[in-house]
C-alpha cells in the first residue's frame, strides 16, 4: 500500500492533465457556506483545490505529502496556499477550518490518527467530505477498461450507487454519514482515455513491459467497443460526508 500510495509523483503531470475533477455540483452540495474555510487534504496536483476556486471558494489550504505532486499543484494553482503534510499530521491549528475534503484519498489514510487529526482541525459543525471521481463503471465498456487496468483492486473500489457507507473509527466525533453520487460526461481523445488508465497506482507500480501491455489492450478495447475519437466518457463523483459534533 505504501508503494502504491507514493507512486503518483512519477506521473504527476499526466495525473493532473488526465484525472477527472469532481463534478461541481458535488462541491456545492458539500460546502457548509460559500465563504467556508476549506482544507483540501492529500491534495495531489490540486484538481480539487482548483475546482473549489471555480465554484467560488476563496479560502482553501492544500496539504499534500508528495513533493512532485506539490510542485505541480503550486505551478498550476498560482496563489494557492500549499503545505507539506499528511492526514495523520495536519500542519494546521485546532478548529481552524469549516470543511475538510479529501478527493480519492481516504483509502490511503491510517483511519485512527487521520480521523483524530481531521476532527482536531475542524470547527464544531464543520463538514468532513470524502470524494471519489472516476470513469463510471456502470457503463459496460468503462467496466471492461477498469478490469484491464486492475483498477478495482484498489482500496477505492468504484462506488457509484447511493447508499454506500464509510466507517469511521469508534467514538469519532462525527454525526451519521450520508452518501450521494453526481454524474457528468466529458469528451476525451481516445489516446487520453488510455493514458488516464496509466495514472492509477495499479498500473503505475507494474514493470514497464506490463504497463505497455495494459496500454495496448486498453487502446484495442476503446477502438472496438467505442469506435470513436474523441470519446464521450461518463464520469461519476461519489461523495460521503459527516458533520463534526461537539463543542
Protein backbone atom coordinates (compact mmCIF):
# COMPACT_ATOMS: atom_id res chain seq x y z
CA UNK A 1 0.00 0.00 0.00
CA UNK A 2 2.83 2.43 0.81
CA UNK A 3 4.48 1.88 -2.57
CA UNK A 4 1.18 2.40 -4.35
CA UNK A 5 0.35 5.49 -2.31
CA UNK A 6 3.71 7.03 -3.23
CA UNK A 7 3.60 6.03 -6.90
CA UNK A 8 1.75 9.07 -8.21
CA UNK A 9 4.60 11.59 -8.09
CA UNK A 10 6.33 9.92 -11.02
CA UNK A 11 3.26 10.62 -13.15
CA UNK A 12 2.24 13.94 -11.60
CA UNK A 13 1.97 15.88 -14.86
CA UNK A 14 -0.17 13.24 -16.56
CA UNK A 15 -2.21 12.74 -13.39
CA UNK A 16 -3.10 16.41 -13.36
CA UNK A 17 -3.87 16.51 -17.08
CA UNK A 18 -5.99 13.37 -17.27
CA UNK A 19 -7.67 12.61 -13.96
CA UNK A 20 -11.26 13.84 -13.67
CA UNK A 21 -12.01 16.80 -11.44
CA UNK A 22 -15.01 16.48 -9.11
CA UNK A 23 -18.43 17.27 -10.55
CA UNK A 24 -19.06 20.92 -9.48
CA UNK A 25 -22.49 20.09 -8.05
CA UNK A 26 -20.83 17.69 -5.63
CA UNK A 27 -18.73 20.51 -4.18
CA UNK A 28 -21.69 22.87 -3.86
CA UNK A 29 -23.56 20.11 -2.07
CA UNK A 30 -20.72 19.53 0.40
CA UNK A 31 -19.80 23.06 1.41
CA UNK A 32 -21.48 24.48 4.52
CA UNK A 33 -21.34 28.02 3.03
CA UNK A 34 -19.70 29.82 0.07
CA UNK A 35 -17.25 31.57 2.40
CA UNK A 36 -16.16 28.38 4.20
CA UNK A 37 -12.51 27.85 5.07
CA UNK A 38 -11.65 24.55 3.36
CA UNK A 39 -8.78 22.09 3.77
CA UNK A 40 -8.01 20.05 0.65
CA UNK A 41 -6.35 17.06 2.33
CA UNK A 42 -3.99 14.87 0.30
CA UNK A 43 -4.47 17.48 -2.40
CA UNK A 44 -2.32 15.80 -5.06
CA UNK A 45 -1.82 18.14 -8.01
CA UNK A 46 -4.65 20.45 -6.96
CA UNK A 47 -7.57 19.17 -9.02
CA UNK A 48 -9.91 19.66 -6.07
CA UNK A 49 -8.38 22.98 -4.99
CA UNK A 50 -8.86 24.44 -8.47
CA UNK A 51 -12.38 23.03 -8.64
CA UNK A 52 -13.19 24.74 -5.34
CA UNK A 53 -11.89 28.02 -6.72
CA UNK A 54 -14.05 27.52 -9.82
CA UNK A 55 -17.22 27.34 -7.70
CA UNK A 56 -16.26 30.49 -5.80
CA UNK A 57 -14.43 29.25 -2.70
CA UNK A 58 -11.60 31.65 -1.85
CA UNK A 59 -10.24 30.28 1.44
CA UNK A 60 -8.53 26.97 0.62
CA UNK A 61 -5.37 25.41 2.02
CA UNK A 62 -3.95 22.35 0.25
CA UNK A 63 -1.96 19.76 2.21
CA UNK A 64 -0.03 17.09 0.27
CA UNK A 65 2.86 14.79 1.28
CA UNK A 66 4.39 14.12 -2.16
CA UNK A 67 6.91 16.74 -3.29
CA UNK A 68 6.40 16.09 -7.01
CA UNK A 69 2.63 16.41 -6.67
CA UNK A 70 3.00 19.61 -4.63
CA UNK A 71 5.26 21.07 -7.32
CA UNK A 72 2.58 20.60 -9.98
CA UNK A 73 -0.06 21.93 -7.60
CA UNK A 74 1.92 25.11 -6.94
CA UNK A 75 2.79 25.59 -10.62
CA UNK A 76 -0.78 25.21 -11.86
CA UNK A 77 -2.53 26.93 -8.95
CA UNK A 78 -0.86 30.36 -8.61
CA UNK A 79 -1.54 31.92 -5.25
CA UNK A 80 -2.68 28.68 -3.65
CA UNK A 81 -1.63 28.09 -0.06
CA UNK A 82 0.20 24.76 -0.27
CA UNK A 83 1.68 22.92 2.72
CA UNK A 84 3.60 19.68 3.16
CA UNK A 85 1.80 17.30 5.48
CA UNK A 86 -0.24 14.14 5.83
CA UNK A 87 -3.70 13.21 7.00
CA UNK A 88 -2.12 11.81 10.15
CA UNK A 89 -0.17 15.01 10.85
CA UNK A 90 -2.03 18.06 9.52
CA UNK A 91 0.00 21.31 9.78
CA UNK A 92 -2.95 23.49 10.85
CA UNK A 93 -4.18 24.84 14.21
CA UNK A 94 -7.09 23.38 16.15
CA UNK A 95 -10.59 24.29 14.94
CA UNK A 96 -9.25 26.31 12.01
CA UNK A 97 -11.40 25.14 9.06
CA UNK A 98 -15.08 24.69 8.25
CA UNK A 99 -14.62 21.73 5.90
CA UNK A 100 -12.05 19.01 5.31
CA UNK A 101 -12.33 17.48 1.85
CA UNK A 102 -10.30 14.53 0.60
CA UNK A 103 -10.60 13.50 -3.05
CA UNK A 104 -9.75 9.90 -3.98
CA UNK A 105 -7.52 9.70 -0.91
CA UNK A 106 -9.32 8.27 2.13
CA UNK A 107 -8.29 4.70 1.29
CA UNK A 108 -4.62 5.74 1.69
CA UNK A 109 -5.10 7.15 5.23
CA UNK A 110 -4.50 5.40 8.53
CA UNK A 111 -8.08 5.80 9.81
CA UNK A 112 -7.48 6.19 13.55
CA UNK A 113 -4.89 9.02 13.56
CA UNK A 114 -6.31 10.62 10.40
CA UNK A 115 -9.81 10.86 11.85
CA UNK A 116 -8.43 12.32 15.08
CA UNK A 117 -6.45 14.95 13.15
CA UNK A 118 -9.40 15.84 10.93
CA UNK A 119 -11.60 16.26 14.00
CA UNK A 120 -8.93 18.43 15.61
CA UNK A 121 -8.70 20.95 12.76
CA UNK A 122 -12.46 21.07 12.08
CA UNK A 123 -14.68 23.55 13.87
CA UNK A 124 -17.79 22.07 15.53
CA UNK A 125 -20.47 21.86 12.89
CA UNK A 126 -17.83 21.58 10.17
CA UNK A 127 -18.00 19.01 7.39
CA UNK A 128 -15.80 16.04 6.57
CA UNK A 129 -16.33 15.29 2.89
CA UNK A 130 -14.80 12.32 1.07
CA UNK A 131 -14.97 12.22 -2.73
CA UNK A 132 -14.08 9.71 -5.41
CA UNK A 133 -14.18 10.76 -9.09
CA UNK A 134 -13.75 8.16 -11.81
CA UNK A 135 -14.97 6.94 -15.17
CA UNK A 136 -18.36 5.41 -14.41
CA UNK A 137 -18.12 1.59 -14.23
CA UNK A 138 -21.89 1.27 -14.57
CA UNK A 139 -21.14 1.69 -18.29
CA UNK A 140 -20.05 -1.66 -19.78
CA UNK A 141 -17.03 -0.53 -21.77
CA UNK A 142 -15.72 1.50 -18.82
CA UNK A 143 -16.05 -1.52 -16.53
CA UNK A 144 -14.07 -3.59 -19.04
CA UNK A 145 -11.40 -0.88 -19.24
CA UNK A 146 -11.08 -0.80 -15.45
CA UNK A 147 -10.60 -4.56 -15.40
CA UNK A 148 -7.70 -4.25 -17.84
CA UNK A 149 -6.10 -1.65 -15.55
CA UNK A 150 -6.84 -3.65 -12.40
CA UNK A 151 -8.48 -0.51 -11.06
CA UNK A 152 -10.90 -2.46 -8.90
CA UNK A 153 -8.00 -3.93 -6.93
CA UNK A 154 -7.51 -0.53 -5.30
CA UNK A 155 -8.90 0.44 -1.92
CA UNK A 156 -11.05 2.96 -3.79
CA UNK A 157 -13.17 0.29 -5.49
CA UNK A 158 -15.80 2.15 -7.51
CA UNK A 159 -18.77 3.45 -5.58
CA UNK A 160 -21.46 4.57 -7.98
CA UNK A 161 -24.70 3.74 -6.22
CA UNK A 162 -26.16 5.85 -3.43
CA UNK A 163 -26.30 4.25 -0.01
CA UNK A 164 -22.61 3.35 0.35
CA UNK A 165 -21.01 3.98 3.74
CA UNK A 166 -17.63 5.00 5.10
CA UNK A 167 -16.89 3.57 8.52
CA UNK A 168 -15.08 5.96 10.86
CA UNK A 169 -13.28 4.68 13.97
CA UNK A 170 -15.44 4.02 17.02
CA UNK A 171 -16.05 7.13 19.10
CA UNK A 172 -15.13 9.58 16.33
CA UNK A 173 -16.86 12.94 16.97
CA UNK A 174 -18.99 12.92 13.83
CA UNK A 175 -22.68 12.54 13.17
CA UNK A 176 -24.23 9.99 10.81
CA UNK A 177 -22.73 9.95 7.33
CA UNK A 178 -24.67 10.46 4.13
CA UNK A 179 -23.77 9.49 0.57
CA UNK A 180 -24.75 10.56 -2.92
CA UNK A 181 -23.48 10.30 -6.48
CA UNK A 182 -23.15 13.01 -9.15
CA UNK A 183 -22.55 12.34 -12.85
CA UNK A 184 -21.35 14.14 -15.95
CA UNK A 185 -19.78 13.25 -19.31
CA UNK A 186 -16.68 14.72 -20.97
CA UNK A 187 -15.17 14.35 -24.44
CA UNK A 188 -11.61 12.99 -24.41
CA UNK A 189 -9.17 11.88 -27.10
CA UNK A 190 -9.05 8.08 -27.29
CA UNK A 191 -5.31 8.18 -26.55
CA UNK A 192 -6.01 10.21 -23.40
CA UNK A 193 -8.61 7.70 -22.20
CA UNK A 194 -5.93 5.03 -22.43
CA UNK A 195 -3.29 7.26 -20.82
CA UNK A 196 -5.67 8.06 -17.93
CA UNK A 197 -5.70 4.37 -17.03
CA UNK A 198 -1.92 4.61 -16.64
CA UNK A 199 -2.24 7.19 -13.84
CA UNK A 200 -3.70 4.63 -11.41
CA UNK A 201 -1.42 3.02 -8.86
CA UNK A 202 -2.44 -0.46 -10.02
CA UNK A 203 -0.75 0.33 -13.35
CA UNK A 204 1.97 2.75 -12.19
CA UNK A 205 3.54 0.09 -10.00
CA UNK A 206 3.75 -2.52 -12.80
CA UNK A 207 7.01 -3.23 -14.66
CA UNK A 208 7.42 -1.21 -17.87
CA UNK A 209 6.59 -4.11 -20.18
CA UNK A 210 3.36 -4.83 -18.31
CA UNK A 211 2.37 -1.16 -18.39
CA UNK A 212 2.87 -1.21 -22.18
CA UNK A 213 0.69 -4.33 -22.44
CA UNK A 214 -2.07 -2.66 -20.40
CA UNK A 215 -1.96 0.38 -22.71
CA UNK A 216 -2.15 -1.77 -25.84
CA UNK A 217 -5.08 -3.81 -24.54
CA UNK A 218 -6.87 -0.66 -23.38
CA UNK A 219 -6.50 1.04 -26.77
CA UNK A 220 -7.77 -2.07 -28.53
CA UNK A 221 -10.81 -2.14 -26.26
CA UNK A 222 -11.62 1.54 -26.81
CA UNK A 223 -11.30 1.14 -30.56
CA UNK A 224 -13.51 -1.97 -30.65
CA UNK A 225 -16.14 -1.10 -28.03
CA UNK A 226 -16.46 2.65 -28.57
CA UNK A 227 -15.11 3.18 -32.05
CA UNK A 228 -14.97 6.96 -31.97
CA UNK A 229 -12.25 9.52 -31.40
CA UNK A 230 -12.84 11.64 -29.41
CA UNK A 231 -14.69 9.51 -26.85
CA UNK A 232 -17.59 10.68 -24.71
CA UNK A 233 -16.50 9.41 -21.30
CA UNK A 234 -19.07 9.09 -18.49
CA UNK A 235 -17.73 10.18 -15.11
CA UNK A 236 -19.12 9.92 -11.59
CA UNK A 237 -18.24 11.67 -8.35
CA UNK A 238 -19.27 9.68 -5.29
CA UNK A 239 -19.50 11.69 -2.07
CA UNK A 240 -19.75 10.75 1.59
CA UNK A 241 -19.96 13.39 4.32
CA UNK A 242 -20.48 13.76 8.05
CA UNK A 243 -20.71 16.74 10.41
CA UNK A 244 -18.23 17.35 13.25
CA UNK A 245 -20.10 17.14 16.55
CA UNK A 246 -19.17 18.55 19.96
CA UNK A 247 -18.32 21.98 21.30
